[in-house]
Amino acid sequence: MSADIPETQEPADALAAVVALRRLADQLEDAAVEQAMRAGWSWPQVAEALGVTRQAVHKKHVKRLIAAGVTLRRRQ
């Protein structure tokens, strides 16, 4: 293991920490994507910032953003 990551005695504890971090990362991504879209960013801009395709970010976030009342930019 890396010297920067403390080793736990219980694998279950380490795996639970991974799950918690993934949930937190998803929440942070949701909030950041919503903030960017409310600020007028395009899908390609958000995708580039996240290092994914436009299609991937659209598929993951569009329904939630619409439900949240975010006005989304249309392709021009």
PDB file of N, CA and C in Angstrom:
ATOM      1  N   MET A   1       0.824  -1.194   0.000  1.00  0.00           N
ATOM      2  CA  MET A   1       0.000   0.000   0.000  1.00  0.00           C
ATOM      3  C   MET A   1       0.867   1.257   0.000  1.00  0.00           C
ATOM      4  N   SER A   2       0.321   2.325  -0.476  1.00  0.00           N
ATOM      5  CA  SER A   2       1.032   3.591  -0.500  1.00  0.00           C
ATOM      6  C   SER A   2       1.267   4.097   0.919  1.00  0.00           C
ATOM      7  N   ALA A   3       2.359   4.798   1.110  1.00  0.00           N
ATOM      8  CA  ALA A   3       2.664   5.349   2.428  1.00  0.00           C
ATOM      9  C   ALA A   3       1.669   6.433   2.824  1.00  0.00           C
ATOM     10  N   ASP A   4       0.979   7.046   1.846  1.00  0.00           N
ATOM     11  CA  ASP A   4       0.031   8.124   2.118  1.00  0.00           C
ATOM     12  C   ASP A   4      -1.338   7.616   2.562  1.00  0.00           C
ATOM     13  N   ILE A   5      -1.625   6.359   2.323  1.00  0.00           N
ATOM     14  CA  ILE A   5      -2.928   5.804   2.646  1.00  0.00           C
ATOM     15  C   ILE A   5      -2.782   4.867   3.839  1.00  0.00           C
ATOM     16  N   PRO A   6      -3.447   5.212   4.953  1.00  0.00           N
ATOM     17  CA  PRO A   6      -3.307   4.350   6.121  1.00  0.00           C
ATOM     18  C   PRO A   6      -3.947   2.985   5.879  1.00  0.00           C
ATOM     19  N   GLU A   7      -3.283   1.975   6.346  1.00  0.00           N
ATOM     20  CA  GLU A   7      -3.799   0.622   6.187  1.00  0.00           C
ATOM     21  C   GLU A   7      -4.721   0.311   7.361  1.00  0.00           C
ATOM     22  N   THR A   8      -5.910  -0.171   7.050  1.00  0.00           N
ATOM     23  CA  THR A   8      -6.836  -0.547   8.112  1.00  0.00           C
ATOM     24  C   THR A   8      -6.736  -2.044   8.332  1.00  0.00           C
ATOM     25  N   GLN A   9      -7.130  -2.460   9.506  1.00  0.00           N
ATOM     26  CA  GLN A   9      -7.080  -3.885   9.800  1.00  0.00           C
ATOM     27  C   GLN A   9      -8.240  -4.624   9.149  1.00  0.00           C
ATOM     28  N   GLU A  10      -9.341  -3.953   8.964  1.00  0.00           N
ATOM     29  CA  GLU A  10     -10.532  -4.602   8.422  1.00  0.00           C
ATOM     30  C   GLU A  10     -10.784  -4.171   6.976  1.00  0.00           C
ATOM     31  N   PRO A  11     -10.773  -5.125   6.053  1.00  0.00           N
ATOM     32  CA  PRO A  11     -11.098  -4.783   4.662  1.00  0.00           C
ATOM     33  C   PRO A  11     -12.486  -4.154   4.536  1.00  0.00           C
ATOM     34  N   ALA A  12     -13.422  -4.573   5.369  1.00  0.00           N
ATOM     35  CA  ALA A  12     -14.771  -4.002   5.312  1.00  0.00           C
ATOM     36  C   ALA A  12     -14.745  -2.507   5.582  1.00  0.00           C
ATOM     37  N   ASP A  13     -13.897  -2.066   6.499  1.00  0.00           N
ATOM     38  CA  ASP A  13     -13.780  -0.632   6.793  1.00  0.00           C
ATOM     39  C   ASP A  13     -13.221   0.126   5.601  1.00  0.00           C
ATOM     40  N   ALA A  14     -12.208  -0.445   4.970  1.00  0.00           N
ATOM     41  CA  ALA A  14     -11.608   0.198   3.803  1.00  0.00           C
ATOM     42  C   ALA A  14     -12.611   0.285   2.656  1.00  0.00           C
ATOM     43  N   LEU A  15     -13.362  -0.777   2.450  1.00  0.00           N
ATOM     44  CA  LEU A  15     -14.352  -0.780   1.368  1.00  0.00           C
ATOM     45  C   LEU A  15     -15.500   0.183   1.666  1.00  0.00           C
ATOM     46  N   ALA A  16     -15.904   0.262   2.914  1.00  0.00           N
ATOM     47  CA  ALA A  16     -16.942   1.220   3.292  1.00  0.00           C
ATOM     48  C   ALA A  16     -16.473   2.651   3.047  1.00  0.00           C
ATOM     49  N   ALA A  17     -15.199   2.914   3.293  1.00  0.00           N
ATOM     50  CA  ALA A  17     -14.641   4.240   3.031  1.00  0.00           C
ATOM     51  C   ALA A  17     -14.667   4.552   1.542  1.00  0.00           C
ATOM     52  N   VAL A  18     -14.371   3.562   0.708  1.00  0.00           N
ATOM     53  CA  VAL A  18     -14.413   3.754  -0.746  1.00  0.00           C
ATOM     54  C   VAL A  18     -15.831   4.109  -1.181  1.00  0.00           C
ATOM     55  N   VAL A  19     -16.817   3.388  -0.658  1.00  0.00           N
ATOM     56  CA  VAL A  19     -18.218   3.662  -1.001  1.00  0.00           C
ATOM     57  C   VAL A  19     -18.595   5.079  -0.593  1.00  0.00           C
ATOM     58  N   ALA A  20     -18.205   5.483   0.608  1.00  0.00           N
ATOM     59  CA  ALA A  20     -18.520   6.824   1.092  1.00  0.00           C
ATOM     60  C   ALA A  20     -17.864   7.895   0.224  1.00  0.00           C
ATOM     61  N   LEU A  21     -16.620   7.669  -0.187  1.00  0.00           N
ATOM     62  CA  LEU A  21     -15.934   8.635  -1.049  1.00  0.00           C
ATOM     63  C   LEU A  21     -16.582   8.730  -2.418  1.00  0.00           C
ATOM     64  N   ARG A  22     -17.006   7.596  -2.959  1.00  0.00           N
ATOM     65  CA  ARG A  22     -17.699   7.622  -4.261  1.00  0.00           C
ATOM     66  C   ARG A  22     -18.995   8.414  -4.165  1.00  0.00           C
ATOM     67  N   ARG A  23     -19.746   8.203  -3.089  1.00  0.00           N
ATOM     68  CA  ARG A  23     -21.000   8.954  -2.914  1.00  0.00           C
ATOM     69  C   ARG A  23     -20.718  10.447  -2.810  1.00  0.00           C
ATOM     70  N   LEU A  24     -19.700  10.796  -2.052  1.00  0.00           N
ATOM     71  CA  LEU A  24     -19.336  12.202  -1.907  1.00  0.00           C
ATOM     72  C   LEU A  24     -18.899  12.786  -3.249  1.00  0.00           C
ATOM     73  N   ALA A  25     -18.086  12.054  -3.994  1.00  0.00           N
ATOM     74  CA  ALA A  25     -17.643  12.520  -5.310  1.00  0.00           C
ATOM     75  C   ALA A  25     -18.838  12.727  -6.239  1.00  0.00           C
ATOM     76  N   ASP A  26     -19.806  11.824  -6.208  1.00  0.00           N
ATOM     77  CA  ASP A  26     -21.004  11.971  -7.037  1.00  0.00           C
ATOM     78  C   ASP A  26     -21.800  13.215  -6.637  1.00  0.00           C
ATOM     79  N   GLN A  27     -21.926  13.453  -5.336  1.00  0.00           N
ATOM     80  CA  GLN A  27     -22.645  14.644  -4.869  1.00  0.00           C
ATOM     81  C   GLN A  27     -21.930  15.916  -5.297  1.00  0.00           C
ATOM     82  N   LEU A  28     -20.605  15.920  -5.185  1.00  0.00           N
ATOM     83  CA  LEU A  28     -19.822  17.092  -5.600  1.00  0.00           C
ATOM     84  C   LEU A  28     -19.956  17.329  -7.102  1.00  0.00           C
ATOM     85  N   GLU A  29     -19.921  16.228  -7.887  1.00  0.00           N
ATOM     86  CA  GLU A  29     -20.083  16.361  -9.336  1.00  0.00           C
ATOM     87  C   GLU A  29     -21.462  16.909  -9.675  1.00  0.00           C
ATOM     88  N   ASP A  30     -22.502  16.366  -9.047  1.00  0.00           N
ATOM     89  CA  ASP A  30     -23.864  16.845  -9.304  1.00  0.00           C
ATOM     90  C   ASP A  30     -23.968  18.345  -9.045  1.00  0.00           C
ATOM     91  N   ALA A  31     -23.442  18.778  -7.914  1.00  0.00           N
ATOM     92  CA  ALA A  31     -23.522  20.195  -7.559  1.00  0.00           C
ATOM     93  C   ALA A  31     -22.721  21.062  -8.527  1.00  0.00           C
ATOM     94  N   ALA A  32     -21.536  20.620  -8.903  1.00  0.00           N
ATOM     95  CA  ALA A  32     -20.696  21.402  -9.809  1.00  0.00           C
ATOM     96  C   ALA A  32     -21.291  21.477 -11.206  1.00  0.00           C
ATOM     97  N   VAL A  33     -21.852  20.362 -11.683  1.00  0.00           N
ATOM     98  CA  VAL A  33     -22.478  20.365 -13.008  1.00  0.00           C
ATOM     99  C   VAL A  33     -23.697  21.286 -12.994  1.00  0.00           C
ATOM    100  N   GLU A  34     -24.499  21.203 -11.944  1.00  0.00           N
ATOM    101  CA  GLU A  34     -25.667  22.088 -11.870  1.00  0.00           C
ATOM    102  C   GLU A  34     -25.241  23.555 -11.834  1.00  0.00           C
ATOM    103  N   GLN A  35     -24.217  23.864 -11.058  1.00  0.00           N
ATOM    104  CA  GLN A  35     -23.720  25.240 -10.984  1.00  0.00           C
ATOM    105  C   GLN A  35     -23.240  25.714 -12.356  1.00  0.00           C
ATOM    106  N   ALA A  36     -22.508  24.868 -13.053  1.00  0.00           N
ATOM    107  CA  ALA A  36     -21.992  25.238 -14.379  1.00  0.00           C
ATOM    108  C   ALA A  36     -23.135  25.458 -15.364  1.00  0.00           C
ATOM    109  N   MET A  37     -24.122  24.572 -15.343  1.00  0.00           N
ATOM    110  CA  MET A  37     -25.228  24.706 -16.289  1.00  0.00           C
ATOM    111  C   MET A  37     -26.072  25.937 -15.977  1.00  0.00           C
ATOM    112  N   ARG A  38     -26.255  26.234 -14.695  1.00  0.00           N
ATOM    113  CA  ARG A  38     -26.993  27.457 -14.325  1.00  0.00           C
ATOM    114  C   ARG A  38     -26.211  28.706 -14.739  1.00  0.00           C
ATOM    115  N   ALA A  39     -24.890  28.585 -14.822  1.00  0.00           N
ATOM    116  CA  ALA A  39     -24.045  29.709 -15.239  1.00  0.00           C
ATOM    117  C   ALA A  39     -23.939  29.824 -16.757  1.00  0.00           C
ATOM    118  N   GLY A  40     -24.635  28.923 -17.474  1.00  0.00           N
ATOM    119  CA  GLY A  40     -24.669  29.028 -18.932  1.00  0.00           C
ATOM    120  C   GLY A  40     -23.647  28.188 -19.673  1.00  0.00           C
ATOM    121  N   TRP A  41     -22.966  27.289 -18.985  1.00  0.00           N
ATOM    122  CA  TRP A  41     -22.010  26.424 -19.668  1.00  0.00           C
ATOM    123  C   TRP A  41     -22.739  25.490 -20.617  1.00  0.00           C
ATOM    124  N   SER A  42     -22.044  25.085 -21.649  1.00  0.00           N
ATOM    125  CA  SER A  42     -22.583  24.108 -22.595  1.00  0.00           C
ATOM    126  C   SER A  42     -22.201  22.708 -22.143  1.00  0.00           C
ATOM    127  N   TRP A  43     -22.888  21.711 -22.701  1.00  0.00           N
ATOM    128  CA  TRP A  43     -22.546  20.314 -22.404  1.00  0.00           C
ATOM    129  C   TRP A  43     -21.087  20.012 -22.763  1.00  0.00           C
ATOM    130  N   PRO A  44     -20.599  20.461 -23.929  1.00  0.00           N
ATOM    131  CA  PRO A  44     -19.192  20.189 -24.248  1.00  0.00           C
ATOM    132  C   PRO A  44     -18.217  20.823 -23.252  1.00  0.00           C
ATOM    133  N   GLN A  45     -18.533  22.008 -22.750  1.00  0.00           N
ATOM    134  CA  GLN A  45     -17.653  22.645 -21.771  1.00  0.00           C
ATOM    135  C   GLN A  45     -17.598  21.835 -20.473  1.00  0.00           C
ATOM    136  N   VAL A  46     -18.760  21.401 -20.001  1.00  0.00           N
ATOM    137  CA  VAL A  46     -18.819  20.603 -18.778  1.00  0.00           C
ATOM    138  C   VAL A  46     -18.087  19.286 -18.995  1.00  0.00           C
ATOM    139  N   ALA A  47     -18.341  18.649 -20.134  1.00  0.00           N
ATOM    140  CA  ALA A  47     -17.703  17.365 -20.433  1.00  0.00           C
ATOM    141  C   ALA A  47     -16.188  17.490 -20.452  1.00  0.00           C
ATOM    142  N   GLU A  48     -15.686  18.539 -21.086  1.00  0.00           N
ATOM    143  CA  GLU A  48     -14.239  18.731 -21.151  1.00  0.00           C
ATOM    144  C   GLU A  48     -13.653  18.923 -19.757  1.00  0.00           C
ATOM    145  N   ALA A  49     -14.337  19.706 -18.930  1.00  0.00           N
ATOM    146  CA  ALA A  49     -13.845  19.944 -17.576  1.00  0.00           C
ATOM    147  C   ALA A  49     -13.810  18.660 -16.746  1.00  0.00           C
ATOM    148  N   LEU A  50     -14.747  17.747 -17.018  1.00  0.00           N
ATOM    149  CA  LEU A  50     -14.804  16.479 -16.289  1.00  0.00           C
ATOM    150  C   LEU A  50     -13.957  15.384 -16.933  1.00  0.00           C
ATOM    151  N   GLY A  51     -13.498  15.624 -18.148  1.00  0.00           N
ATOM    152  CA  GLY A  51     -12.691  14.622 -18.838  1.00  0.00           C
ATOM    153  C   GLY A  51     -13.500  13.457 -19.374  1.00  0.00           C
ATOM    154  N   VAL A  52     -14.756  13.755 -19.747  1.00  0.00           N
ATOM    155  CA  VAL A  52     -15.631  12.730 -20.317  1.00  0.00           C
ATOM    156  C   VAL A  52     -16.246  13.270 -21.607  1.00  0.00           C
ATOM    157  N   THR A  53     -17.043  12.451 -22.281  1.00  0.00           N
ATOM    158  CA  THR A  53     -17.701  12.910 -23.497  1.00  0.00           C
ATOM    159  C   THR A  53     -18.947  13.726 -23.164  1.00  0.00           C
ATOM    160  N   ARG A  54     -19.362  14.523 -24.124  1.00  0.00           N
ATOM    161  CA  ARG A  54     -20.596  15.293 -23.973  1.00  0.00           C
ATOM    162  C   ARG A  54     -21.768  14.353 -23.737  1.00  0.00           C
ATOM    163  N   GLN A  55     -21.780  13.255 -24.478  1.00  0.00           N
ATOM    164  CA  GLN A  55     -22.870  12.299 -24.352  1.00  0.00           C
ATOM    165  C   GLN A  55     -22.916  11.700 -22.948  1.00  0.00           C
ATOM    166  N   ALA A  56     -21.755  11.400 -22.381  1.00  0.00           N
ATOM    167  CA  ALA A  56     -21.712  10.790 -21.047  1.00  0.00           C
ATOM    168  C   ALA A  56     -22.237  11.741 -19.982  1.00  0.00           C
ATOM    169  N   VAL A  57     -21.814  12.992 -20.046  1.00  0.00           N
ATOM    170  CA  VAL A  57     -22.258  13.950 -19.029  1.00  0.00           C
ATOM    171  C   VAL A  57     -23.745  14.263 -19.215  1.00  0.00           C
ATOM    172  N   HIS A  58     -24.209  14.342 -20.440  1.00  0.00           N
ATOM    173  CA  HIS A  58     -25.619  14.592 -20.709  1.00  0.00           C
ATOM    174  C   HIS A  58     -26.466  13.445 -20.165  1.00  0.00           C
ATOM    175  N   LYS A  59     -26.090  12.233 -20.497  1.00  0.00           N
ATOM    176  CA  LYS A  59     -26.844  11.050 -20.061  1.00  0.00           C
ATOM    177  C   LYS A  59     -26.927  10.972 -18.536  1.00  0.00           C
ATOM    178  N   LYS A  60     -25.824  11.294 -17.873  1.00  0.00           N
ATOM    179  CA  LYS A  60     -25.770  11.172 -16.416  1.00  0.00           C
ATOM    180  C   LYS A  60     -26.568  12.254 -15.699  1.00  0.00           C
ATOM    181  N   HIS A  61     -26.641  13.465 -16.266  1.00  0.00           N
ATOM    182  CA  HIS A  61     -27.165  14.602 -15.520  1.00  0.00           C
ATOM    183  C   HIS A  61     -28.448  15.229 -16.049  1.00  0.00           C
ATOM    184  N   VAL A  62     -28.837  14.984 -17.292  1.00  0.00           N
ATOM    185  CA  VAL A  62     -29.924  15.760 -17.894  1.00  0.00           C
ATOM    186  C   VAL A  62     -31.244  15.629 -17.140  1.00  0.00           C
ATOM    187  N   LYS A  63     -31.643  14.435 -16.769  1.00  0.00           N
ATOM    188  CA  LYS A  63     -32.946  14.263 -16.096  1.00  0.00           C
ATOM    189  C   LYS A  63     -32.972  14.986 -14.751  1.00  0.00           C
ATOM    190  N   ARG A  64     -31.873  14.877 -13.998  1.00  0.00           N
ATOM    191  CA  ARG A  64     -31.816  15.527 -12.696  1.00  0.00           C
ATOM    192  C   ARG A  64     -31.847  17.043 -12.843  1.00  0.00           C
ATOM    193  N   LEU A  65     -31.146  17.562 -13.845  1.00  0.00           N
ATOM    194  CA  LEU A  65     -31.121  19.005 -14.060  1.00  0.00           C
ATOM    195  C   LEU A  65     -32.486  19.538 -14.483  1.00  0.00           C
ATOM    196  N   ILE A  66     -33.165  18.823 -15.338  1.00  0.00           N
ATOM    197  CA  ILE A  66     -34.507  19.228 -15.759  1.00  0.00           C
ATOM    198  C   ILE A  66     -35.439  19.225 -14.548  1.00  0.00           C
ATOM    199  N   ALA A  67     -35.359  18.170 -13.733  1.00  0.00           N
ATOM    200  CA  ALA A  67     -36.199  18.073 -12.535  1.00  0.00           C
ATOM    201  C   ALA A  67     -35.899  19.218 -11.555  1.00  0.00           C
ATOM    202  N   ALA A  68     -34.657  19.685 -11.547  1.00  0.00           N
ATOM    203  CA  ALA A  68     -34.260  20.784 -10.665  1.00  0.00           C
ATOM    204  C   ALA A  68     -34.627  22.148 -11.235  1.00  0.00           C
ATOM    205  N   GLY A  69     -35.201  22.170 -12.445  1.00  0.00           N
ATOM    206  CA  GLY A  69     -35.619  23.422 -13.058  1.00  0.00           C
ATOM    207  C   GLY A  69     -34.499  24.203 -13.713  1.00  0.00           C
ATOM    208  N   VAL A  70     -33.407  23.537 -14.033  1.00  0.00           N
ATOM    209  CA  VAL A  70     -32.287  24.223 -14.687  1.00  0.00           C
ATOM    210  C   VAL A  70     -32.620  24.422 -16.161  1.00  0.00           C
ATOM    211  N   THR A  71     -32.438  25.641 -16.647  1.00  0.00           N
ATOM    212  CA  THR A  71     -32.618  25.924 -18.058  1.00  0.00           C
ATOM    213  C   THR A  71     -31.366  25.476 -18.793  1.00  0.00           C
ATOM    214  N   LEU A  72     -31.540  24.537 -19.701  1.00  0.00           N
ATOM    215  CA  LEU A  72     -30.401  23.964 -20.411  1.00  0.00           C
ATOM    216  C   LEU A  72     -30.254  24.605 -21.786  1.00  0.00           C
ATOM    217  N   ARG A  73     -29.009  24.774 -22.184  1.00  0.00           N
ATOM    218  CA  ARG A  73     -28.726  25.342 -23.504  1.00  0.00           C
ATOM    219  C   ARG A  73     -29.038  24.308 -24.572  1.00  0.00           C
ATOM    220  N   ARG A  74     -29.563  24.774 -25.651  1.00  0.00           N
ATOM    221  CA  ARG A  74     -29.842  23.910 -26.810  1.00  0.00           C
ATOM    222  C   ARG A  74     -28.673  23.986 -27.766  1.00  0.00           C
ATOM    223  N   ARG A  75     -28.478  22.897 -28.520  1.00  0.00           N
ATOM    224  CA  ARG A  75     -27.428  22.917 -29.568  1.00  0.00           C
ATOM    225  C   ARG A  75     -27.782  23.959 -30.595  1.00  0.00           C
ATOM    226  N   GLN A  76     -26.783  24.626 -31.081  1.00  0.00           N
ATOM    227  CA  GLN A  76     -27.011  25.694 -32.071  1.00  0.00           C
ATOM    228  C   GLN A  76     -26.557  25.271 -33.431  1.00  0.00           C
TER     229      GLN A  76
END
